[in-house]
PDB file of N, CA and C in Angstrom:
ATOM      1  N   MET A   1       0.908 -17.591   8.995  1.00  0.00           N
ATOM      2  CA  MET A   1       0.782 -16.517   8.548  1.00  0.00           C
ATOM      3  C   MET A   1      -0.723 -16.724   7.734  1.00  0.00           C
ATOM      4  N   GLY A   2      -1.482 -15.505   7.422  1.00  0.00           N
ATOM      5  CA  GLY A   2      -2.781 -15.412   7.026  1.00  0.00           C
ATOM      6  C   GLY A   2      -2.494 -14.878   5.341  1.00  0.00           C
ATOM      7  N   SER A   3      -3.147 -14.169   4.945  1.00  0.00           N
ATOM      8  CA  SER A   3      -3.108 -13.580   3.312  1.00  0.00           C
ATOM      9  C   SER A   3      -2.345 -12.494   3.278  1.00  0.00           C
ATOM     10  N   TYR A   4      -1.903 -11.925   2.174  1.00  0.00           N
ATOM     11  CA  TYR A   4      -1.397 -10.732   2.055  1.00  0.00           C
ATOM     12  C   TYR A   4      -2.375  -9.741   2.233  1.00  0.00           C
ATOM     13  N   ARG A   5      -3.630  -9.998   2.454  1.00  0.00           N
ATOM     14  CA  ARG A   5      -4.507  -9.179   2.583  1.00  0.00           C
ATOM     15  C   ARG A   5      -4.791  -8.692   4.139  1.00  0.00           C
ATOM     16  N   ASP A   6      -4.209  -9.515   4.732  1.00  0.00           N
ATOM     17  CA  ASP A   6      -3.824  -9.204   6.340  1.00  0.00           C
ATOM     18  C   ASP A   6      -2.639  -8.449   6.597  1.00  0.00           C
ATOM     19  N   LEU A   7      -1.619  -8.079   5.851  1.00  0.00           N
ATOM     20  CA  LEU A   7      -0.615  -6.968   5.990  1.00  0.00           C
ATOM     21  C   LEU A   7      -1.105  -5.829   5.961  1.00  0.00           C
ATOM     22  N   LYS A   8      -1.093  -5.175   7.175  1.00  0.00           N
ATOM     23  CA  LYS A   8      -0.990  -3.464   7.345  1.00  0.00           C
ATOM     24  C   LYS A   8      -0.355  -2.671   6.094  1.00  0.00           C
ATOM     25  N   VAL A   9       0.497  -3.290   5.622  1.00  0.00           N
ATOM     26  CA  VAL A   9       1.546  -2.506   4.271  1.00  0.00           C
ATOM     27  C   VAL A   9       0.466  -2.598   3.274  1.00  0.00           C
ATOM     28  N   TYR A  10      -0.318  -3.903   3.129  1.00  0.00           N
ATOM     29  CA  TYR A  10      -1.107  -3.945   1.872  1.00  0.00           C
ATOM     30  C   TYR A  10      -2.275  -3.362   2.299  1.00  0.00           C
ATOM     31  N   GLN A  11      -3.138  -3.243   3.235  1.00  0.00           N
ATOM     32  CA  GLN A  11      -4.327  -2.523   3.630  1.00  0.00           C
ATOM     33  C   GLN A  11      -3.775  -0.718   3.182  1.00  0.00           C
ATOM     34  N   LYS A  12      -2.799  -0.407   3.584  1.00  0.00           N
ATOM     35  CA  LYS A  12      -2.479   0.816   3.815  1.00  0.00           C
ATOM     36  C   LYS A  12      -2.327   1.381   2.179  1.00  0.00           C
ATOM     37  N   ALA A  13      -1.594   0.553   1.586  1.00  0.00           N
ATOM     38  CA  ALA A  13      -1.401   0.729   0.060  1.00  0.00           C
ATOM     39  C   ALA A  13      -2.584   0.917  -0.493  1.00  0.00           C
ATOM     40  N   PHE A  14      -3.425  -0.302  -0.442  1.00  0.00           N
ATOM     41  CA  PHE A  14      -4.892  -0.187  -0.847  1.00  0.00           C
ATOM     42  C   PHE A  14      -5.686   1.068  -0.564  1.00  0.00           C
ATOM     43  N   ASP A  15      -5.701   1.454   0.302  1.00  0.00           N
ATOM     44  CA  ASP A  15      -6.497   2.439   0.676  1.00  0.00           C
ATOM     45  C   ASP A  15      -6.024   3.511  -0.008  1.00  0.00           C
ATOM     46  N   LEU A  16      -4.932   3.752   0.225  1.00  0.00           N
ATOM     47  CA  LEU A  16      -4.097   4.746  -0.760  1.00  0.00           C
ATOM     48  C   LEU A  16      -4.163   5.069  -2.279  1.00  0.00           C
ATOM     49  N   SER A  17      -4.209   4.302  -2.759  1.00  0.00           N
ATOM     50  CA  SER A  17      -4.595   3.372  -3.977  1.00  0.00           C
ATOM     51  C   SER A  17      -5.626   4.087  -4.412  1.00  0.00           C
ATOM     52  N   MET A  18      -6.856   3.497  -3.281  1.00  0.00           N
ATOM     53  CA  MET A  18      -8.521   3.858  -3.579  1.00  0.00           C
ATOM     54  C   MET A  18      -8.620   5.724  -3.535  1.00  0.00           C
ATOM     55  N   LEU A  19      -7.812   6.146  -2.583  1.00  0.00           N
ATOM     56  CA  LEU A  19      -7.800   7.580  -2.165  1.00  0.00           C
ATOM     57  C   LEU A  19      -7.693   8.306  -3.432  1.00  0.00           C
ATOM     58  N   ILE A  20      -6.392   7.604  -4.404  1.00  0.00           N
ATOM     59  CA  ILE A  20      -5.932   8.424  -5.342  1.00  0.00           C
ATOM     60  C   ILE A  20      -6.873   8.116  -6.472  1.00  0.00           C
ATOM     61  N   PHE A  21      -7.306   6.954  -6.738  1.00  0.00           N
ATOM     62  CA  PHE A  21      -8.399   6.716  -7.590  1.00  0.00           C
ATOM     63  C   PHE A  21      -9.604   7.639  -7.624  1.00  0.00           C
ATOM     64  N   LYS A  22     -10.158   8.071  -6.355  1.00  0.00           N
ATOM     65  CA  LYS A  22     -11.309   9.088  -6.352  1.00  0.00           C
ATOM     66  C   LYS A  22     -10.941  10.224  -6.549  1.00  0.00           C
ATOM     67  N   GLU A  23      -9.467  10.441  -6.404  1.00  0.00           N
ATOM     68  CA  GLU A  23      -9.050  12.147  -6.489  1.00  0.00           C
ATOM     69  C   GLU A  23      -8.999  12.732  -7.828  1.00  0.00           C
ATOM     70  N   SER A  24      -8.458  11.206  -8.366  1.00  0.00           N
ATOM     71  CA  SER A  24      -7.984  11.427 -10.277  1.00  0.00           C
ATOM     72  C   SER A  24      -8.973  11.510 -10.786  1.00  0.00           C
ATOM     73  N   ARG A  25      -9.981  11.019 -10.480  1.00  0.00           N
ATOM     74  CA  ARG A  25     -11.561  11.473 -11.164  1.00  0.00           C
ATOM     75  C   ARG A  25     -11.840  12.862 -11.483  1.00  0.00           C
ATOM     76  N   ASN A  26     -11.335  13.408 -10.674  1.00  0.00           N
ATOM     77  CA  ASN A  26     -11.330  14.995 -10.932  1.00  0.00           C
ATOM     78  C   ASN A  26     -10.228  15.763 -11.741  1.00  0.00           C
ATOM     79  N   PHE A  27      -9.416  15.156 -12.175  1.00  0.00           N
ATOM     80  CA  PHE A  27      -7.910  15.694 -13.168  1.00  0.00           C
ATOM     81  C   PHE A  27      -8.894  15.776 -14.332  1.00  0.00           C
ATOM     82  N   PRO A  28      -8.149  16.846 -15.225  1.00  0.00           N
ATOM     83  CA  PRO A  28      -8.518  17.456 -16.335  1.00  0.00           C
ATOM     84  C   PRO A  28      -8.649  15.875 -17.427  1.00  0.00           C
ATOM     85  N   SER A  29      -9.898  16.165 -18.430  1.00  0.00           N
ATOM     86  CA  SER A  29      -9.769  14.960 -19.420  1.00  0.00           C
ATOM     87  C   SER A  29      -8.505  14.530 -20.159  1.00  0.00           C
ATOM     88  N   GLU A  30      -7.863  15.847 -19.914  1.00  0.00           N
ATOM     89  CA  GLU A  30      -6.441  15.470 -21.130  1.00  0.00           C
ATOM     90  C   GLU A  30      -5.757  14.872 -20.774  1.00  0.00           C
ATOM     91  N   GLU A  31      -5.893  14.499 -19.322  1.00  0.00           N
ATOM     92  CA  GLU A  31      -4.882  13.872 -18.413  1.00  0.00           C
ATOM     93  C   GLU A  31      -4.872  12.326 -18.345  1.00  0.00           C
ATOM     94  N   LYS A  32      -6.179  11.900 -18.867  1.00  0.00           N
ATOM     95  CA  LYS A  32      -6.807  10.495 -18.987  1.00  0.00           C
ATOM     96  C   LYS A  32      -5.727   9.743 -19.059  1.00  0.00           C
ATOM     97  N   PHE A  33      -5.030   9.906 -20.432  1.00  0.00           N
ATOM     98  CA  PHE A  33      -3.917   8.753 -20.572  1.00  0.00           C
ATOM     99  C   PHE A  33      -2.488   9.182 -20.386  1.00  0.00           C
ATOM    100  N   GLY A  34      -2.549  10.448 -19.594  1.00  0.00           N
ATOM    101  CA  GLY A  34      -1.332  10.793 -18.876  1.00  0.00           C
ATOM    102  C   GLY A  34      -1.015  10.475 -17.336  1.00  0.00           C
ATOM    103  N   LEU A  35      -1.399  11.862 -16.775  1.00  0.00           N
ATOM    104  CA  LEU A  35      -0.851  11.835 -15.356  1.00  0.00           C
ATOM    105  C   LEU A  35      -1.787  10.855 -14.738  1.00  0.00           C
ATOM    106  N   THR A  36      -3.188  11.078 -15.022  1.00  0.00           N
ATOM    107  CA  THR A  36      -4.303   9.851 -14.684  1.00  0.00           C
ATOM    108  C   THR A  36      -4.199   8.638 -14.183  1.00  0.00           C
ATOM    109  N   SER A  37      -3.605   8.222 -15.411  1.00  0.00           N
ATOM    110  CA  SER A  37      -3.215   6.527 -15.815  1.00  0.00           C
ATOM    111  C   SER A  37      -2.249   6.257 -15.009  1.00  0.00           C
ATOM    112  N   GLN A  38      -1.288   6.907 -15.558  1.00  0.00           N
ATOM    113  CA  GLN A  38       0.195   7.182 -14.867  1.00  0.00           C
ATOM    114  C   GLN A  38       0.161   6.737 -12.949  1.00  0.00           C
ATOM    115  N   ILE A  39      -0.513   7.584 -12.439  1.00  0.00           N
ATOM    116  CA  ILE A  39      -0.652   7.532 -10.826  1.00  0.00           C
ATOM    117  C   ILE A  39      -1.305   6.862 -10.127  1.00  0.00           C
ATOM    118  N   ARG A  40      -2.401   6.033 -11.088  1.00  0.00           N
ATOM    119  CA  ARG A  40      -3.301   4.839 -10.956  1.00  0.00           C
ATOM    120  C   ARG A  40      -2.601   3.973 -11.059  1.00  0.00           C
ATOM    121  N   ARG A  41      -1.786   3.510 -12.030  1.00  0.00           N
ATOM    122  CA  ARG A  41      -1.192   2.078 -12.205  1.00  0.00           C
ATOM    123  C   ARG A  41      -0.269   2.347 -11.231  1.00  0.00           C
ATOM    124  N   SER A  42       0.650   2.907 -10.810  1.00  0.00           N
ATOM    125  CA  SER A  42       1.858   2.905  -9.922  1.00  0.00           C
ATOM    126  C   SER A  42       1.310   2.442  -8.695  1.00  0.00           C
ATOM    127  N   SER A  43      -0.024   3.550  -8.035  1.00  0.00           N
ATOM    128  CA  SER A  43      -0.452   2.854  -6.946  1.00  0.00           C
ATOM    129  C   SER A  43      -0.924   1.781  -6.848  1.00  0.00           C
ATOM    130  N   ARG A  44      -1.084   1.272  -7.701  1.00  0.00           N
ATOM    131  CA  ARG A  44      -1.899  -0.121  -7.890  1.00  0.00           C
ATOM    132  C   ARG A  44      -0.939  -0.826  -7.735  1.00  0.00           C
ATOM    133  N   SER A  45       0.178  -1.018  -8.467  1.00  0.00           N
ATOM    134  CA  SER A  45       1.655  -1.682  -8.545  1.00  0.00           C
ATOM    135  C   SER A  45       1.739  -1.797  -7.185  1.00  0.00           C
ATOM    136  N   VAL A  46       1.781  -1.106  -6.354  1.00  0.00           N
ATOM    137  CA  VAL A  46       2.393  -1.052  -5.007  1.00  0.00           C
ATOM    138  C   VAL A  46       1.702  -2.268  -4.133  1.00  0.00           C
ATOM    139  N   CYS A  47       0.155  -2.541  -4.441  1.00  0.00           N
ATOM    140  CA  CYS A  47      -0.059  -3.557  -3.870  1.00  0.00           C
ATOM    141  C   CYS A  47      -0.302  -4.801  -4.195  1.00  0.00           C
ATOM    142  N   SER A  48       0.190  -4.584  -5.725  1.00  0.00           N
ATOM    143  CA  SER A  48       0.182  -5.926  -6.509  1.00  0.00           C
ATOM    144  C   SER A  48       1.381  -6.443  -6.299  1.00  0.00           C
ATOM    145  N   ASN A  49       2.378  -5.962  -6.187  1.00  0.00           N
ATOM    146  CA  ASN A  49       4.080  -6.559  -5.854  1.00  0.00           C
ATOM    147  C   ASN A  49       3.957  -6.736  -4.550  1.00  0.00           C
ATOM    148  N   VAL A  50       3.492  -6.164  -3.388  1.00  0.00           N
ATOM    149  CA  VAL A  50       3.160  -6.535  -2.323  1.00  0.00           C
ATOM    150  C   VAL A  50       2.757  -8.119  -2.350  1.00  0.00           C
ATOM    151  N   GLY A  51       1.403  -8.300  -2.749  1.00  0.00           N
ATOM    152  CA  GLY A  51       0.692  -9.661  -2.780  1.00  0.00           C
ATOM    153  C   GLY A  51       1.364 -10.438  -3.726  1.00  0.00           C
ATOM    154  N   GLU A  52       2.078 -10.376  -4.886  1.00  0.00           N
ATOM    155  CA  GLU A  52       3.211 -11.187  -5.491  1.00  0.00           C
ATOM    156  C   GLU A  52       4.039 -11.557  -4.629  1.00  0.00           C
ATOM    157  N   GLY A  53       4.729 -10.623  -3.900  1.00  0.00           N
ATOM    158  CA  GLY A  53       6.104 -10.991  -3.014  1.00  0.00           C
ATOM    159  C   GLY A  53       5.483 -11.773  -2.077  1.00  0.00           C
ATOM    160  N   TYR A  54       4.236 -11.606  -1.374  1.00  0.00           N
ATOM    161  CA  TYR A  54       3.975 -12.115   0.035  1.00  0.00           C
ATOM    162  C   TYR A  54       3.735 -13.891  -0.594  1.00  0.00           C
ATOM    163  N   ARG A  55       3.255 -14.242  -1.622  1.00  0.00           N
ATOM    164  CA  ARG A  55       2.973 -15.596  -2.249  1.00  0.00           C
ATOM    165  C   ARG A  55       4.455 -16.360  -2.661  1.00  0.00           C
ATOM    166  N   LYS A  56       5.072 -15.791  -2.508  1.00  0.00           N
ATOM    167  CA  LYS A  56       6.635 -16.137  -2.858  1.00  0.00           C
ATOM    168  C   LYS A  56       7.515 -15.875  -1.833  1.00  0.00           C
ATOM    169  N   ARG A  57       6.855 -15.669  -0.525  1.00  0.00           N
ATOM    170  CA  ARG A  57       7.660 -15.736   0.555  1.00  0.00           C
ATOM    171  C   ARG A  57       8.665 -16.464   1.013  1.00  0.00           C
ATOM    172  N   ILE A  58       8.645 -17.683   0.402  1.00  0.00           N
ATOM    173  CA  ILE A  58       9.496 -19.073   1.085  1.00  0.00           C
ATOM    174  C   ILE A  58      10.907 -19.033   0.330  1.00  0.00           C
ATOM    175  N   TYR A  59      10.842 -18.339  -0.631  1.00  0.00           N
ATOM    176  CA  TYR A  59      11.787 -17.568  -1.447  1.00  0.00           C
ATOM    177  C   TYR A  59      12.437 -16.164  -1.052  1.00  0.00           C
ATOM    178  N   PRO A  60      13.480 -15.976  -0.299  1.00  0.00           N
ATOM    179  CA  PRO A  60      13.796 -14.616   0.485  1.00  0.00           C
ATOM    180  C   PRO A  60      14.184 -13.905  -0.862  1.00  0.00           C
ATOM    181  N   ALA A  61      15.018 -14.199  -1.414  1.00  0.00           N
ATOM    182  CA  ALA A  61      15.428 -13.195  -2.620  1.00  0.00           C
ATOM    183  C   ALA A  61      14.440 -12.844  -3.963  1.00  0.00           C
ATOM    184  N   HIS A  62      13.231 -13.706  -3.962  1.00  0.00           N
ATOM    185  CA  HIS A  62      12.022 -13.288  -4.597  1.00  0.00           C
ATOM    186  C   HIS A  62      11.479 -12.323  -4.092  1.00  0.00           C
ATOM    187  N   PHE A  63      11.087 -12.597  -2.689  1.00  0.00           N
ATOM    188  CA  PHE A  63      10.336 -11.855  -1.736  1.00  0.00           C
ATOM    189  C   PHE A  63      10.979 -10.666  -1.545  1.00  0.00           C
ATOM    190  N   VAL A  64      12.249 -10.519  -1.611  1.00  0.00           N
ATOM    191  CA  VAL A  64      12.819  -9.001  -1.397  1.00  0.00           C
ATOM    192  C   VAL A  64      12.695  -8.406  -2.756  1.00  0.00           C
ATOM    193  N   SER A  65      12.972  -9.143  -4.073  1.00  0.00           N
ATOM    194  CA  SER A  65      12.914  -8.478  -5.198  1.00  0.00           C
ATOM    195  C   SER A  65      11.306  -7.724  -5.513  1.00  0.00           C
ATOM    196  N   LYS A  66      10.336  -8.752  -5.149  1.00  0.00           N
ATOM    197  CA  LYS A  66       8.983  -7.876  -5.334  1.00  0.00           C
ATOM    198  C   LYS A  66       8.861  -6.724  -4.155  1.00  0.00           C
ATOM    199  N   CYS A  67       9.459  -7.032  -3.094  1.00  0.00           N
ATOM    200  CA  CYS A  67       9.192  -5.767  -2.427  1.00  0.00           C
ATOM    201  C   CYS A  67       9.858  -4.397  -2.807  1.00  0.00           C
ATOM    202  N   SER A  68      10.968  -4.885  -3.330  1.00  0.00           N
ATOM    203  CA  SER A  68      11.663  -3.732  -4.095  1.00  0.00           C
ATOM    204  C   SER A  68      10.732  -2.967  -5.066  1.00  0.00           C
ATOM    205  N   ASP A  69      10.495  -3.773  -6.165  1.00  0.00           N
ATOM    206  CA  ASP A  69       9.320  -3.320  -6.882  1.00  0.00           C
ATOM    207  C   ASP A  69       8.341  -2.820  -6.298  1.00  0.00           C
ATOM    208  N   ALA A  70       7.667  -3.330  -5.336  1.00  0.00           N
ATOM    209  CA  ALA A  70       6.708  -2.143  -4.705  1.00  0.00           C
ATOM    210  C   ALA A  70       7.327  -0.968  -4.157  1.00  0.00           C
ATOM    211  N   ASP A  71       8.637  -0.959  -3.614  1.00  0.00           N
ATOM    212  CA  ASP A  71       8.740   0.418  -3.042  1.00  0.00           C
ATOM    213  C   ASP A  71       9.247   1.178  -4.052  1.00  0.00           C
ATOM    214  N   MET A  72       9.675   0.955  -5.538  1.00  0.00           N
ATOM    215  CA  MET A  72       9.966   1.737  -6.844  1.00  0.00           C
ATOM    216  C   MET A  72       8.610   2.072  -7.059  1.00  0.00           C
ATOM    217  N   GLU A  73       7.420   1.128  -7.121  1.00  0.00           N
ATOM    218  CA  GLU A  73       6.311   1.903  -7.352  1.00  0.00           C
ATOM    219  C   GLU A  73       5.515   3.148  -6.282  1.00  0.00           C
ATOM    220  N   ASN A  74       5.889   2.542  -5.237  1.00  0.00           N
ATOM    221  CA  ASN A  74       5.307   3.667  -4.190  1.00  0.00           C
ATOM    222  C   ASN A  74       6.294   4.829  -4.383  1.00  0.00           C
ATOM    223  N   SER A  75       7.654   4.867  -5.148  1.00  0.00           N
ATOM    224  CA  SER A  75       8.301   6.050  -5.206  1.00  0.00           C
ATOM    225  C   SER A  75       8.092   6.930  -6.611  1.00  0.00           C
ATOM    226  N   GLU A  76       7.437   6.081  -7.395  1.00  0.00           N
ATOM    227  CA  GLU A  76       6.953   6.173  -8.616  1.00  0.00           C
ATOM    228  C   GLU A  76       5.533   7.354  -8.480  1.00  0.00           C
ATOM    229  N   THR A  77       4.756   6.565  -7.447  1.00  0.00           N
ATOM    230  CA  THR A  77       3.472   7.474  -7.163  1.00  0.00           C
ATOM    231  C   THR A  77       3.762   8.642  -6.492  1.00  0.00           C
ATOM    232  N   GLN A  78       4.795   8.812  -5.514  1.00  0.00           N
ATOM    233  CA  GLN A  78       5.099   9.935  -5.101  1.00  0.00           C
ATOM    234  C   GLN A  78       5.796  11.289  -6.266  1.00  0.00           C
ATOM    235  N   VAL A  79       6.295  10.661  -7.305  1.00  0.00           N
ATOM    236  CA  VAL A  79       6.724  11.616  -8.262  1.00  0.00           C
ATOM    237  C   VAL A  79       5.235  12.131  -8.888  1.00  0.00           C
ATOM    238  N   TRP A  80       4.528  11.256  -9.201  1.00  0.00           N
ATOM    239  CA  TRP A  80       3.147  11.552 -10.001  1.00  0.00           C
ATOM    240  C   TRP A  80       2.461  12.633  -8.969  1.00  0.00           C
ATOM    241  N   LEU A  81       2.216  12.355  -7.414  1.00  0.00           N
ATOM    242  CA  LEU A  81       1.889  13.368  -6.797  1.00  0.00           C
ATOM    243  C   LEU A  81       2.409  14.581  -6.959  1.00  0.00           C
ATOM    244  N   ASP A  82       3.710  14.728  -6.970  1.00  0.00           N
ATOM    245  CA  ASP A  82       4.479  16.025  -7.171  1.00  0.00           C
ATOM    246  C   ASP A  82       3.805  16.457  -8.764  1.00  0.00           C
ATOM    247  N   PHE A  83       3.778  16.020  -9.619  1.00  0.00           N
ATOM    248  CA  PHE A  83       3.108  16.831 -10.623  1.00  0.00           C
ATOM    249  C   PHE A  83       1.698  16.760 -10.328  1.00  0.00           C
ATOM    250  N   ALA A  84       1.130  16.128  -9.741  1.00  0.00           N
ATOM    251  CA  ALA A  84      -0.477  16.671  -9.340  1.00  0.00           C
ATOM    252  C   ALA A  84      -0.678  18.080  -8.673  1.00  0.00           C
ATOM    253  N   LEU A  85       0.647  18.050  -8.120  1.00  0.00           N
ATOM    254  CA  LEU A  85       0.302  19.138  -7.032  1.00  0.00           C
ATOM    255  C   LEU A  85       1.136  20.339  -8.063  1.00  0.00           C
ATOM    256  N   ALA A  86       1.958  20.526  -8.593  1.00  0.00           N
ATOM    257  CA  ALA A  86       2.566  21.312  -9.320  1.00  0.00           C
ATOM    258  C   ALA A  86       1.556  21.549 -10.588  1.00  0.00           C
ATOM    259  N   CYS A  87       0.748  20.990 -11.211  1.00  0.00           N
ATOM    260  CA  CYS A  87      -0.324  21.040 -11.816  1.00  0.00           C
ATOM    261  C   CYS A  87      -1.630  21.768 -11.085  1.00  0.00           C
ATOM    262  N   GLU A  88      -1.613  21.978 -10.084  1.00  0.00           N
ATOM    263  CA  GLU A  88      -2.758  22.130  -9.063  1.00  0.00           C
ATOM    264  C   GLU A  88      -3.807  21.226  -9.583  1.00  0.00           C
ATOM    265  N   TYR A  89      -4.097  19.781  -9.658  1.00  0.00           N
ATOM    266  CA  TYR A  89      -5.021  19.035  -9.539  1.00  0.00           C
ATOM    267  C   TYR A  89      -5.446  18.858  -8.162  1.00  0.00           C
ATOM    268  N   ILE A  90      -4.654  18.921  -7.312  1.00  0.00           N
ATOM    269  CA  ILE A  90      -4.640  18.518  -5.852  1.00  0.00           C
ATOM    270  C   ILE A  90      -4.330  19.891  -5.143  1.00  0.00           C
ATOM    271  N   THR A  91      -4.840  19.681  -4.009  1.00  0.00           N
ATOM    272  CA  THR A  91      -4.554  20.753  -2.922  1.00  0.00           C
ATOM    273  C   THR A  91      -3.246  20.322  -2.324  1.00  0.00           C
ATOM    274  N   LYS A  92      -2.650  21.390  -1.507  1.00  0.00           N
ATOM    275  CA  LYS A  92      -1.370  21.015  -0.818  1.00  0.00           C
ATOM    276  C   LYS A  92      -1.687  20.069   0.542  1.00  0.00           C
ATOM    277  N   GLU A  93      -3.259  20.147   1.104  1.00  0.00           N
ATOM    278  CA  GLU A  93      -3.620  19.346   1.953  1.00  0.00           C
ATOM    279  C   GLU A  93      -3.517  18.053   1.679  1.00  0.00           C
ATOM    280  N   THR A  94      -4.415  17.765   0.187  1.00  0.00           N
ATOM    281  CA  THR A  94      -4.020  16.357  -0.030  1.00  0.00           C
ATOM    282  C   THR A  94      -3.149  15.754  -0.331  1.00  0.00           C
ATOM    283  N   TYR A  95      -2.153  16.583  -1.066  1.00  0.00           N
ATOM    284  CA  TYR A  95      -0.863  16.317  -1.224  1.00  0.00           C
ATOM    285  C   TYR A  95       0.113  15.865   0.116  1.00  0.00           C
ATOM    286  N   ASP A  96      -0.174  16.700   0.970  1.00  0.00           N
ATOM    287  CA  ASP A  96       0.522  16.186   2.388  1.00  0.00           C
ATOM    288  C   ASP A  96       0.078  14.896   2.632  1.00  0.00           C
ATOM    289  N   ASP A  97      -1.061  14.785   2.980  1.00  0.00           N
ATOM    290  CA  ASP A  97      -1.765  13.691   3.492  1.00  0.00           C
ATOM    291  C   ASP A  97      -1.370  12.196   2.546  1.00  0.00           C
ATOM    292  N   TYR A  98      -1.423  12.489   1.638  1.00  0.00           N
ATOM    293  CA  TYR A  98      -1.108  11.354   0.424  1.00  0.00           C
ATOM    294  C   TYR A  98       0.356  11.034   0.481  1.00  0.00           C
ATOM    295  N   PHE A  99       1.264  12.148   0.516  1.00  0.00           N
ATOM    296  CA  PHE A  99       2.767  11.812   0.341  1.00  0.00           C
ATOM    297  C   PHE A  99       3.243  11.427   1.870  1.00  0.00           C
ATOM    298  N   ASN A 100       2.445  11.782   2.869  1.00  0.00           N
ATOM    299  CA  ASN A 100       2.571  11.171   4.290  1.00  0.00           C
ATOM    300  C   ASN A 100       2.430   9.458   4.350  1.00  0.00           C
ATOM    301  N   ARG A 101       1.527   9.396   3.743  1.00  0.00           N
ATOM    302  CA  ARG A 101       0.735   8.044   3.695  1.00  0.00           C
ATOM    303  C   ARG A 101       1.834   7.129   3.482  1.00  0.00           C
ATOM    304  N   SER A 102       2.098   7.813   1.849  1.00  0.00           N
ATOM    305  CA  SER A 102       2.806   6.849   0.832  1.00  0.00           C
ATOM    306  C   SER A 102       4.492   6.802   1.514  1.00  0.00           C
ATOM    307  N   GLU A 103       4.838   7.777   2.368  1.00  0.00           N
ATOM    308  CA  GLU A 103       6.164   7.637   2.972  1.00  0.00           C
ATOM    309  C   GLU A 103       6.213   6.942   4.239  1.00  0.00           C
ATOM    310  N   GLU A 104       4.702   6.250   5.231  1.00  0.00           N
ATOM    311  CA  GLU A 104       4.707   5.079   6.002  1.00  0.00           C
ATOM    312  C   GLU A 104       4.772   3.713   5.278  1.00  0.00           C
ATOM    313  N   ILE A 105       4.022   3.959   3.993  1.00  0.00           N
ATOM    314  CA  ILE A 105       4.062   2.383   3.271  1.00  0.00           C
ATOM    315  C   ILE A 105       5.583   2.273   2.830  1.00  0.00           C
ATOM    316  N   GLY A 106       6.079   3.401   2.306  1.00  0.00           N
ATOM    317  CA  GLY A 106       7.441   3.019   2.294  1.00  0.00           C
ATOM    318  C   GLY A 106       8.520   2.330   3.086  1.00  0.00           C
ATOM    319  N   ARG A 107       8.366   2.802   4.311  1.00  0.00           N
ATOM    320  CA  ARG A 107       9.110   2.388   5.448  1.00  0.00           C
ATOM    321  C   ARG A 107       8.106   0.973   6.376  1.00  0.00           C
ATOM    322  N   MET A 108       7.328   0.695   5.718  1.00  0.00           N
ATOM    323  CA  MET A 108       6.770  -0.505   5.810  1.00  0.00           C
ATOM    324  C   MET A 108       7.793  -1.871   4.802  1.00  0.00           C
ATOM    325  N   ILE A 109       7.356  -1.347   3.975  1.00  0.00           N
ATOM    326  CA  ILE A 109       8.365  -2.210   2.826  1.00  0.00           C
ATOM    327  C   ILE A 109       9.548  -1.974   2.994  1.00  0.00           C
ATOM    328  N   ASN A 110      10.162  -1.270   3.227  1.00  0.00           N
ATOM    329  CA  ASN A 110      11.990  -1.037   3.584  1.00  0.00           C
ATOM    330  C   ASN A 110      12.044  -2.227   5.037  1.00  0.00           C
ATOM    331  N   HIS A 111      11.219  -2.278   5.773  1.00  0.00           N
ATOM    332  CA  HIS A 111      11.469  -2.874   6.912  1.00  0.00           C
ATOM    333  C   HIS A 111      11.138  -4.682   6.164  1.00  0.00           C
ATOM    334  N   MET A 112       9.996  -4.856   5.261  1.00  0.00           N
ATOM    335  CA  MET A 112      10.092  -5.878   5.035  1.00  0.00           C
ATOM    336  C   MET A 112      11.218  -6.863   4.040  1.00  0.00           C
ATOM    337  N   ILE A 113      11.897  -5.521   3.149  1.00  0.00           N
ATOM    338  CA  ILE A 113      12.967  -5.741   2.513  1.00  0.00           C
ATOM    339  C   ILE A 113      14.322  -6.034   3.387  1.00  0.00           C
ATOM    340  N   GLU A 114      14.262  -5.759   4.498  1.00  0.00           N
ATOM    341  CA  GLU A 114      15.325  -5.777   5.691  1.00  0.00           C
ATOM    342  C   GLU A 114      15.407  -6.857   6.408  1.00  0.00           C
ATOM    343  N   ASN A 115      14.040  -7.376   6.478  1.00  0.00           N
ATOM    344  CA  ASN A 115      13.614  -8.339   7.682  1.00  0.00           C
ATOM    345  C   ASN A 115      12.950  -9.748   6.705  1.00  0.00           C
ATOM    346  N   PRO A 116      13.213 -10.196   5.786  1.00  0.00           N
ATOM    347  CA  PRO A 116      12.398 -10.979   4.984  1.00  0.00           C
ATOM    348  C   PRO A 116      12.228 -12.379   5.815  1.00  0.00           C
ATOM    349  N   GLU A 117      13.055 -12.629   6.811  1.00  0.00           N
ATOM    350  CA  GLU A 117      12.858 -14.025   7.503  1.00  0.00           C
ATOM    351  C   GLU A 117      11.384 -13.763   8.665  1.00  0.00           C
ATOM    352  N   ARG A 118      11.491 -12.628   8.472  1.00  0.00           N
ATOM    353  CA  ARG A 118      10.085 -12.301   9.611  1.00  0.00           C
ATOM    354  C   ARG A 118       8.807 -12.683   8.718  1.00  0.00           C
ATOM    355  N   TYR A 119       8.770 -12.923   7.753  1.00  0.00           N
ATOM    356  CA  TYR A 119       7.418 -13.136   6.653  1.00  0.00           C
ATOM    357  C   TYR A 119       7.803 -14.501   6.155  1.00  0.00           C
ATOM    358  N   LYS A 120       8.523 -15.263   6.092  1.00  0.00           N
ATOM    359  CA  LYS A 120       8.734 -16.365   5.922  1.00  0.00           C
ATOM    360  C   LYS A 120       8.048 -17.452   6.572  1.00  0.00           C
ATOM    361  N   GLY A 121       7.214 -18.221   5.445  1.00  0.00           N
ATOM    362  CA  GLY A 121       6.508 -19.314   6.352  1.00  0.00           C
ATOM    363  C   GLY A 121       5.925 -20.218   5.225  1.00  0.00           C
ATOM    364  N   SER A 122       5.320 -21.186   5.699  1.00  0.00           N
ATOM    365  CA  SER A 122       4.913 -22.460   4.356  1.00  0.00           C
ATOM    366  C   SER A 122       4.069 -21.643   3.637  1.00  0.00           C
ATOM    367  N   LYS A 123       3.931 -21.963   2.375  1.00  0.00           N
ATOM    368  CA  LYS A 123       3.055 -21.913   1.087  1.00  0.00           C
ATOM    369  C   LYS A 123       2.034 -22.248   1.420  1.00  0.00           C
TER     370      LYS A 123
END
C-alpha cells in the first residue's frame, strides 16, 4: 500500500476541507474566532486523523480509533455546516453539496472502521 494521500477518503476529505476554507473566507469577520475557526479545524482534522490512522494501520485497534476520531470530526463539520446555513453564510445549494460530500466521506471512513484488515500492511 502507498501513502495515506493515495486513499480516496483522504483526497475527498482534503478537497472538502479546501472548499470549506475558501467558502469560509466570506463569513463575517466577527465569526473569525467562532464558526470560521471551528469549521476549518474540524474539516482539517478529518484529513489529519485519516493520515495518522493510516500510519498506525499495523495496529488495528489504533487504526480504528483514529478512524473513529476522523468520523467524529466529520460529524462536527456537518454541525458547523448546519450553523453556516442557519446563519445564512452559505446557500442551500452549497450546504447540500458540502453535506453530501461529508456523508460520502463518512461512509468511506465507516468502511475503514468495519474492515481494518483491508488496510493493514507493512509499515
